[in-house]
Amino acid sequence: MPNREVSEKTLELNVTAEILEIVRNQLRFQKAFWFGMTQRQEAQTGLDEILTNLPRAYHLLLQFKSPAYNPSFKFSINKTQTLRLLDLSSQRPDAVFYVFPLFNRIAKLKEKCPNLLKDTWLLRVEDLRNYISGSQKERHSVIIEKPPLAFIRSTPMRVRLLNLKGYLLDLTREYDFKEKLISNSDIHSWHKAENWKFLGNKRLGQLCRGLGSVVFSAS
């Protein structure tokens, strides 16, 4: 039996397609499009893709994960990647999330398309700060059986999740999302700082593979 029936890339492509629809229809940026990074750009920036063609960008960072092929929805996160993301979330805790789409079977994916966002959940990376800092283990399992609650193994911890569609729609209604999301200048500072850090034999893009940015425009 394969470890994954639905790949992270499959989930990322389909979930981001629905995000683009919200940005075009709810935010009325009909010319917005996803820009996929080259391998060199990905290594330098840590981003796989960025939703662009919008003025004065503010970023919502989404680190995608896929569930293992088993009856429950079990996702894996690691300490090294989480620490990189915590550096980014320290100033804007409501702007950096792990993304957990609850689709571990192709059949369910076919059934629910094009409404995957309703069963896609967010975990604030900032909520993991004490947990990750106090753990000696590199890998941790996040198990979701009854959202919006999730259970993290190793040192047991329960966390509350946010629904991705609900969070996006809330942001479109708020006038203060500039206070929640990350500015272009902060993103650039993070890129520069992270690429100067000692990251072992991996570049930032490898450590943060599956990271995308949803851009909101400030009027």
C-alpha atoms as a PDB file:
ATOM      1  CA  MET A   1       0.000   0.000   0.000  1.00  0.00           C
ATOM      2  CA  PRO A   2       1.530   3.383  -0.964  1.00  0.00           C
ATOM      3  CA  ASN A   3       2.347   5.917   1.731  1.00  0.00           C
ATOM      4  CA  ARG A   4       0.449   8.595  -0.221  1.00  0.00           C
ATOM      5  CA  GLU A   5      -2.377   8.143  -2.703  1.00  0.00           C
ATOM      6  CA  VAL A   6      -2.808  11.905  -3.192  1.00  0.00           C
ATOM      7  CA  SER A   7       0.432  13.825  -3.595  1.00  0.00           C
ATOM      8  CA  GLU A   8       1.193  17.172  -1.999  1.00  0.00           C
ATOM      9  CA  LYS A   9       1.551  18.721  -5.470  1.00  0.00           C
ATOM     10  CA  THR A  10      -1.911  17.484  -6.529  1.00  0.00           C
ATOM     11  CA  LEU A  11      -3.481  19.055  -3.445  1.00  0.00           C
ATOM     12  CA  GLU A  12      -1.484  22.251  -3.844  1.00  0.00           C
ATOM     13  CA  LEU A  13      -2.522  22.683  -7.496  1.00  0.00           C
ATOM     14  CA  ASN A  14      -6.218  22.154  -6.870  1.00  0.00           C
ATOM     15  CA  VAL A  15      -6.470  24.128  -3.629  1.00  0.00           C
ATOM     16  CA  THR A  16      -4.578  27.092  -5.100  1.00  0.00           C
ATOM     17  CA  ALA A  17      -6.909  27.020  -8.119  1.00  0.00           C
ATOM     18  CA  GLU A  18      -9.848  27.588  -5.771  1.00  0.00           C
ATOM     19  CA  ILE A  19      -7.921  30.323  -3.950  1.00  0.00           C
ATOM     20  CA  LEU A  20      -7.395  32.099  -7.275  1.00  0.00           C
ATOM     21  CA  GLU A  21     -11.142  31.983  -7.917  1.00  0.00           C
ATOM     22  CA  ILE A  22     -11.825  33.703  -4.567  1.00  0.00           C
ATOM     23  CA  VAL A  23      -9.205  36.377  -5.222  1.00  0.00           C
ATOM     24  CA  ARG A  24     -10.641  37.091  -8.665  1.00  0.00           C
ATOM     25  CA  ASN A  25     -14.300  37.016  -7.682  1.00  0.00           C
ATOM     26  CA  GLN A  26     -14.335  38.277  -4.074  1.00  0.00           C
ATOM     27  CA  LEU A  27     -11.449  40.728  -4.265  1.00  0.00           C
ATOM     28  CA  ARG A  28     -12.289  41.615  -7.885  1.00  0.00           C
ATOM     29  CA  PHE A  29      -8.709  41.231  -9.078  1.00  0.00           C
ATOM     30  CA  GLN A  30      -9.671  39.433 -12.271  1.00  0.00           C
ATOM     31  CA  LYS A  31      -6.188  39.636 -13.763  1.00  0.00           C
ATOM     32  CA  ALA A  32      -4.495  37.895 -10.827  1.00  0.00           C
ATOM     33  CA  PHE A  33      -2.548  34.769 -11.704  1.00  0.00           C
ATOM     34  CA  TRP A  34      -0.226  32.246 -10.062  1.00  0.00           C
ATOM     35  CA  PHE A  35       3.454  32.703 -10.941  1.00  0.00           C
ATOM     36  CA  GLY A  36       5.421  29.463 -10.620  1.00  0.00           C
ATOM     37  CA  MET A  37       9.043  29.888  -9.579  1.00  0.00           C
ATOM     38  CA  THR A  38      11.951  28.439 -11.517  1.00  0.00           C
ATOM     39  CA  GLN A  39      14.188  26.057  -9.565  1.00  0.00           C
ATOM     40  CA  ARG A  40      16.699  28.859  -9.063  1.00  0.00           C
ATOM     41  CA  GLN A  41      14.037  31.323  -7.870  1.00  0.00           C
ATOM     42  CA  GLU A  42      12.545  28.698  -5.573  1.00  0.00           C
ATOM     43  CA  ALA A  43      15.943  28.000  -4.018  1.00  0.00           C
ATOM     44  CA  GLN A  44      16.499  31.710  -3.444  1.00  0.00           C
ATOM     45  CA  THR A  45      13.060  32.680  -2.153  1.00  0.00           C
ATOM     46  CA  GLY A  46      11.698  29.543  -0.518  1.00  0.00           C
ATOM     47  CA  LEU A  47       8.448  29.957  -2.480  1.00  0.00           C
ATOM     48  CA  ASP A  48       7.031  27.493  -5.012  1.00  0.00           C
ATOM     49  CA  GLU A  49       4.526  29.980  -6.364  1.00  0.00           C
ATOM     50  CA  ILE A  50       3.186  33.437  -5.720  1.00  0.00           C
ATOM     51  CA  LEU A  51      -0.203  34.890  -6.618  1.00  0.00           C
ATOM     52  CA  THR A  52       0.737  38.028  -8.480  1.00  0.00           C
ATOM     53  CA  ASN A  53      -0.341  40.879 -10.798  1.00  0.00           C
ATOM     54  CA  LEU A  54      -1.654  42.792  -7.794  1.00  0.00           C
ATOM     55  CA  PRO A  55      -0.471  46.232  -6.563  1.00  0.00           C
ATOM     56  CA  ARG A  56       1.123  46.795  -3.138  1.00  0.00           C
ATOM     57  CA  ALA A  57       1.336  43.191  -2.059  1.00  0.00           C
ATOM     58  CA  TYR A  58       0.698  41.777   1.396  1.00  0.00           C
ATOM     59  CA  HIS A  59       1.372  38.081   1.768  1.00  0.00           C
ATOM     60  CA  LEU A  60      -0.442  35.152   3.355  1.00  0.00           C
ATOM     61  CA  LEU A  61       2.076  32.280   3.471  1.00  0.00           C
ATOM     62  CA  LEU A  62       0.748  28.745   3.112  1.00  0.00           C
ATOM     63  CA  GLN A  63       2.936  25.666   3.653  1.00  0.00           C
ATOM     64  CA  PHE A  64       1.116  22.740   2.053  1.00  0.00           C
ATOM     65  CA  LYS A  65       1.116  19.191   3.434  1.00  0.00           C
ATOM     66  CA  SER A  66      -0.510  15.964   2.246  1.00  0.00           C
ATOM     67  CA  PRO A  67      -2.008  13.240   4.454  1.00  0.00           C
ATOM     68  CA  ALA A  68      -0.724   9.687   4.679  1.00  0.00           C
ATOM     69  CA  TYR A  69      -2.719   6.875   3.109  1.00  0.00           C
ATOM     70  CA  ASN A  70      -4.568   5.543   6.164  1.00  0.00           C
ATOM     71  CA  PRO A  71      -8.053   5.793   7.725  1.00  0.00           C
ATOM     72  CA  SER A  72      -7.256   8.939   9.710  1.00  0.00           C
ATOM     73  CA  PHE A  73      -5.776  12.154   8.333  1.00  0.00           C
ATOM     74  CA  LYS A  74      -2.154  12.067   9.444  1.00  0.00           C
ATOM     75  CA  PHE A  75       0.269  14.761   8.342  1.00  0.00           C
ATOM     76  CA  SER A  76       3.991  15.061   9.009  1.00  0.00           C
ATOM     77  CA  ILE A  77       5.787  18.269   9.954  1.00  0.00           C
ATOM     78  CA  ASN A  78       9.442  18.676  10.858  1.00  0.00           C
ATOM     79  CA  LYS A  79      11.304  20.895  13.275  1.00  0.00           C
ATOM     80  CA  THR A  80      13.797  22.352  10.778  1.00  0.00           C
ATOM     81  CA  GLN A  81      11.116  23.615   8.418  1.00  0.00           C
ATOM     82  CA  THR A  82       8.938  24.866  11.273  1.00  0.00           C
ATOM     83  CA  LEU A  83      11.816  26.907  12.723  1.00  0.00           C
ATOM     84  CA  ARG A  84      12.309  28.601   9.336  1.00  0.00           C
ATOM     85  CA  LEU A  85       8.621  29.472   9.218  1.00  0.00           C
ATOM     86  CA  LEU A  86       8.630  30.674  12.834  1.00  0.00           C
ATOM     87  CA  ASP A  87      11.255  33.235  11.863  1.00  0.00           C
ATOM     88  CA  LEU A  88       8.736  34.563   9.366  1.00  0.00           C
ATOM     89  CA  SER A  89       5.714  34.437  11.695  1.00  0.00           C
ATOM     90  CA  SER A  90       7.334  36.210  14.651  1.00  0.00           C
ATOM     91  CA  GLN A  91       6.075  39.639  13.525  1.00  0.00           C
ATOM     92  CA  ARG A  92       2.872  38.503  11.786  1.00  0.00           C
ATOM     93  CA  PRO A  93       1.527  35.351  13.503  1.00  0.00           C
ATOM     94  CA  ASP A  94      -1.721  35.404  11.495  1.00  0.00           C
ATOM     95  CA  ALA A  95       0.096  35.306   8.156  1.00  0.00           C
ATOM     96  CA  VAL A  96       1.953  31.962   8.205  1.00  0.00           C
ATOM     97  CA  PHE A  97       0.145  28.620   8.242  1.00  0.00           C
ATOM     98  CA  TYR A  98       0.511  24.936   7.618  1.00  0.00           C
ATOM     99  CA  VAL A  99      -2.213  23.795   5.202  1.00  0.00           C
ATOM    100  CA  PHE A 100      -3.883  20.418   5.741  1.00  0.00           C
ATOM    101  CA  PRO A 101      -6.307  19.370   2.963  1.00  0.00           C
ATOM    102  CA  LEU A 102      -8.322  16.389   4.226  1.00  0.00           C
ATOM    103  CA  PHE A 103      -8.060  14.327   1.054  1.00  0.00           C
ATOM    104  CA  ASN A 104      -6.097  11.081   1.194  1.00  0.00           C
ATOM    105  CA  ARG A 105      -8.105   9.275  -1.508  1.00  0.00           C
ATOM    106  CA  ILE A 106      -8.405  10.172  -5.188  1.00  0.00           C
ATOM    107  CA  ALA A 107     -12.083   9.178  -5.029  1.00  0.00           C
ATOM    108  CA  LYS A 108     -12.826  11.819  -2.380  1.00  0.00           C
ATOM    109  CA  LEU A 109     -10.875  14.429  -4.336  1.00  0.00           C
ATOM    110  CA  LYS A 110     -12.995  13.743  -7.429  1.00  0.00           C
ATOM    111  CA  GLU A 111     -16.196  13.828  -5.389  1.00  0.00           C
ATOM    112  CA  LYS A 112     -15.508  17.142  -3.627  1.00  0.00           C
ATOM    113  CA  CYS A 113     -13.989  19.164  -6.488  1.00  0.00           C
ATOM    114  CA  PRO A 114     -14.374  22.108  -6.961  1.00  0.00           C
ATOM    115  CA  ASN A 115     -15.153  22.671  -3.264  1.00  0.00           C
ATOM    116  CA  LEU A 116     -11.940  21.511  -1.608  1.00  0.00           C
ATOM    117  CA  LEU A 117     -11.492  24.625   0.545  1.00  0.00           C
ATOM    118  CA  LYS A 118     -14.398  23.628   2.781  1.00  0.00           C
ATOM    119  CA  ASP A 119     -12.386  20.611   3.951  1.00  0.00           C
ATOM    120  CA  THR A 120      -8.957  22.250   4.008  1.00  0.00           C
ATOM    121  CA  TRP A 121      -7.633  23.416   7.372  1.00  0.00           C
ATOM    122  CA  LEU A 122      -4.978  25.817   8.622  1.00  0.00           C
ATOM    123  CA  LEU A 123      -2.627  25.499  11.579  1.00  0.00           C
ATOM    124  CA  ARG A 124      -0.950  28.719  12.706  1.00  0.00           C
ATOM    125  CA  VAL A 125       2.775  28.083  12.713  1.00  0.00           C
ATOM    126  CA  GLU A 126       3.131  30.516  15.621  1.00  0.00           C
ATOM    127  CA  ASP A 127       1.010  28.175  17.781  1.00  0.00           C
ATOM    128  CA  LEU A 128       3.825  25.613  17.496  1.00  0.00           C
ATOM    129  CA  ARG A 129       6.583  27.868  18.854  1.00  0.00           C
ATOM    130  CA  ASN A 130       6.789  26.493  22.400  1.00  0.00           C
ATOM    131  CA  TYR A 131       6.065  22.944  21.265  1.00  0.00           C
ATOM    132  CA  ILE A 132       8.805  22.868  18.618  1.00  0.00           C
ATOM    133  CA  SER A 133      11.356  24.777  20.685  1.00  0.00           C
ATOM    134  CA  GLY A 134      10.943  22.352  23.582  1.00  0.00           C
ATOM    135  CA  SER A 135      11.144  19.171  21.504  1.00  0.00           C
ATOM    136  CA  GLN A 136      14.285  17.246  20.657  1.00  0.00           C
ATOM    137  CA  LYS A 137      12.587  15.294  17.885  1.00  0.00           C
ATOM    138  CA  GLU A 138      12.803  16.336  14.239  1.00  0.00           C
ATOM    139  CA  ARG A 139       9.540  14.848  12.932  1.00  0.00           C
ATOM    140  CA  HIS A 140       6.062  15.199  14.384  1.00  0.00           C
ATOM    141  CA  SER A 141       2.681  13.805  13.341  1.00  0.00           C
ATOM    142  CA  VAL A 142      -0.427  15.983  13.175  1.00  0.00           C
ATOM    143  CA  ILE A 143      -3.587  13.863  13.319  1.00  0.00           C
ATOM    144  CA  ILE A 144      -6.961  15.332  12.342  1.00  0.00           C
ATOM    145  CA  GLU A 145     -10.040  13.265  13.115  1.00  0.00           C
ATOM    146  CA  LYS A 146     -12.590  15.853  14.202  1.00  0.00           C
ATOM    147  CA  PRO A 147     -11.735  19.299  12.815  1.00  0.00           C
ATOM    148  CA  PRO A 148     -11.291  22.017  13.891  1.00  0.00           C
ATOM    149  CA  LEU A 149      -9.285  20.123  16.546  1.00  0.00           C
ATOM    150  CA  ALA A 150      -6.002  18.355  15.793  1.00  0.00           C
ATOM    151  CA  PHE A 151      -3.659  16.242  17.894  1.00  0.00           C
ATOM    152  CA  ILE A 152       0.142  16.417  17.673  1.00  0.00           C
ATOM    153  CA  ARG A 153       2.112  13.350  18.666  1.00  0.00           C
ATOM    154  CA  SER A 154       5.516  13.044  20.324  1.00  0.00           C
ATOM    155  CA  THR A 155       4.859  15.393  23.234  1.00  0.00           C
ATOM    156  CA  PRO A 156       1.031  15.306  23.149  1.00  0.00           C
ATOM    157  CA  MET A 157      -0.606  18.602  22.268  1.00  0.00           C
ATOM    158  CA  ARG A 158      -4.031  19.632  20.984  1.00  0.00           C
ATOM    159  CA  VAL A 159      -4.372  22.580  18.647  1.00  0.00           C
ATOM    160  CA  ARG A 160      -7.316  24.385  17.082  1.00  0.00           C
ATOM    161  CA  LEU A 161      -7.416  24.777  13.312  1.00  0.00           C
ATOM    162  CA  LEU A 162      -8.989  27.386  11.042  1.00  0.00           C
ATOM    163  CA  ASN A 163     -10.918  26.615   7.888  1.00  0.00           C
ATOM    164  CA  LEU A 164      -9.058  27.918   4.840  1.00  0.00           C
ATOM    165  CA  LYS A 165     -12.108  29.157   2.942  1.00  0.00           C
ATOM    166  CA  GLY A 166     -13.517  30.892   6.017  1.00  0.00           C
ATOM    167  CA  TYR A 167     -10.203  32.569   6.762  1.00  0.00           C
ATOM    168  CA  LEU A 168      -9.803  33.832   3.195  1.00  0.00           C
ATOM    169  CA  LEU A 169     -13.334  35.233   3.124  1.00  0.00           C
ATOM    170  CA  ASP A 170     -12.805  36.927   6.500  1.00  0.00           C
ATOM    171  CA  LEU A 171      -9.675  38.607   5.133  1.00  0.00           C
ATOM    172  CA  THR A 172     -11.567  39.922   2.121  1.00  0.00           C
ATOM    173  CA  ARG A 173     -14.074  41.596   4.466  1.00  0.00           C
ATOM    174  CA  GLU A 174     -11.519  43.184   6.783  1.00  0.00           C
ATOM    175  CA  TYR A 175      -9.956  46.597   6.354  1.00  0.00           C
ATOM    176  CA  ASP A 176      -7.047  45.791   8.670  1.00  0.00           C
ATOM    177  CA  PHE A 177      -5.537  42.819   6.854  1.00  0.00           C
ATOM    178  CA  LYS A 178      -2.401  44.946   6.380  1.00  0.00           C
ATOM    179  CA  GLU A 179      -1.878  44.509  10.135  1.00  0.00           C
ATOM    180  CA  LYS A 180      -2.162  40.729   9.820  1.00  0.00           C
ATOM    181  CA  LEU A 181      -0.276  39.927   6.643  1.00  0.00           C
ATOM    182  CA  ILE A 182       3.378  40.278   5.664  1.00  0.00           C
ATOM    183  CA  SER A 183       4.614  43.160   3.556  1.00  0.00           C
ATOM    184  CA  ASN A 184       6.890  42.808   0.546  1.00  0.00           C
ATOM    185  CA  SER A 185       9.780  44.364   2.454  1.00  0.00           C
ATOM    186  CA  ASP A 186       9.428  41.867   5.320  1.00  0.00           C
ATOM    187  CA  ILE A 187       9.357  38.974   2.844  1.00  0.00           C
ATOM    188  CA  HIS A 188      12.535  40.242   1.204  1.00  0.00           C
ATOM    189  CA  SER A 189      14.248  40.654   4.583  1.00  0.00           C
ATOM    190  CA  TRP A 190      13.325  37.073   5.498  1.00  0.00           C
ATOM    191  CA  HIS A 191      14.693  35.743   2.200  1.00  0.00           C
ATOM    192  CA  LYS A 192      17.972  37.550   2.755  1.00  0.00           C
ATOM    193  CA  ALA A 193      18.344  36.509   6.409  1.00  0.00           C
ATOM    194  CA  GLU A 194      17.380  32.884   5.827  1.00  0.00           C
ATOM    195  CA  ASN A 195      19.715  32.442   2.880  1.00  0.00           C
ATOM    196  CA  TRP A 196      22.624  33.677   4.991  1.00  0.00           C
ATOM    197  CA  LYS A 197      21.851  31.217   7.799  1.00  0.00           C
ATOM    198  CA  PHE A 198      23.510  27.840   8.058  1.00  0.00           C
ATOM    199  CA  LEU A 199      20.940  25.479   6.535  1.00  0.00           C
ATOM    200  CA  GLY A 200      23.073  22.342   6.332  1.00  0.00           C
ATOM    201  CA  ASN A 201      23.382  21.091   2.771  1.00  0.00           C
ATOM    202  CA  LYS A 202      19.923  22.346   1.768  1.00  0.00           C
ATOM    203  CA  ARG A 203      18.796  25.636   0.323  1.00  0.00           C
ATOM    204  CA  LEU A 204      15.810  27.530   1.688  1.00  0.00           C
ATOM    205  CA  GLY A 205      13.666  26.404  -1.244  1.00  0.00           C
ATOM    206  CA  GLN A 206      14.283  22.749  -0.344  1.00  0.00           C
ATOM    207  CA  LEU A 207      13.435  23.270   3.306  1.00  0.00           C
ATOM    208  CA  CYS A 208      10.221  25.123   2.467  1.00  0.00           C
ATOM    209  CA  ARG A 209       9.072  23.109  -0.535  1.00  0.00           C
ATOM    210  CA  GLY A 210       5.314  23.441  -0.915  1.00  0.00           C
ATOM    211  CA  LEU A 211       5.260  27.048   0.345  1.00  0.00           C
ATOM    212  CA  GLY A 212       3.056  29.465  -1.568  1.00  0.00           C
ATOM    213  CA  SER A 213       2.028  33.065  -1.085  1.00  0.00           C
ATOM    214  CA  VAL A 214      -1.496  34.457  -1.482  1.00  0.00           C
ATOM    215  CA  VAL A 215      -1.176  38.178  -2.121  1.00  0.00           C
ATOM    216  CA  PHE A 216      -3.754  40.704  -0.895  1.00  0.00           C
ATOM    217  CA  SER A 217      -3.694  44.194  -2.307  1.00  0.00           C
ATOM    218  CA  ALA A 218      -3.841  47.319  -0.179  1.00  0.00           C
ATOM    219  CA  SER A 219      -6.007  50.041  -1.661  1.00  0.00           C
END
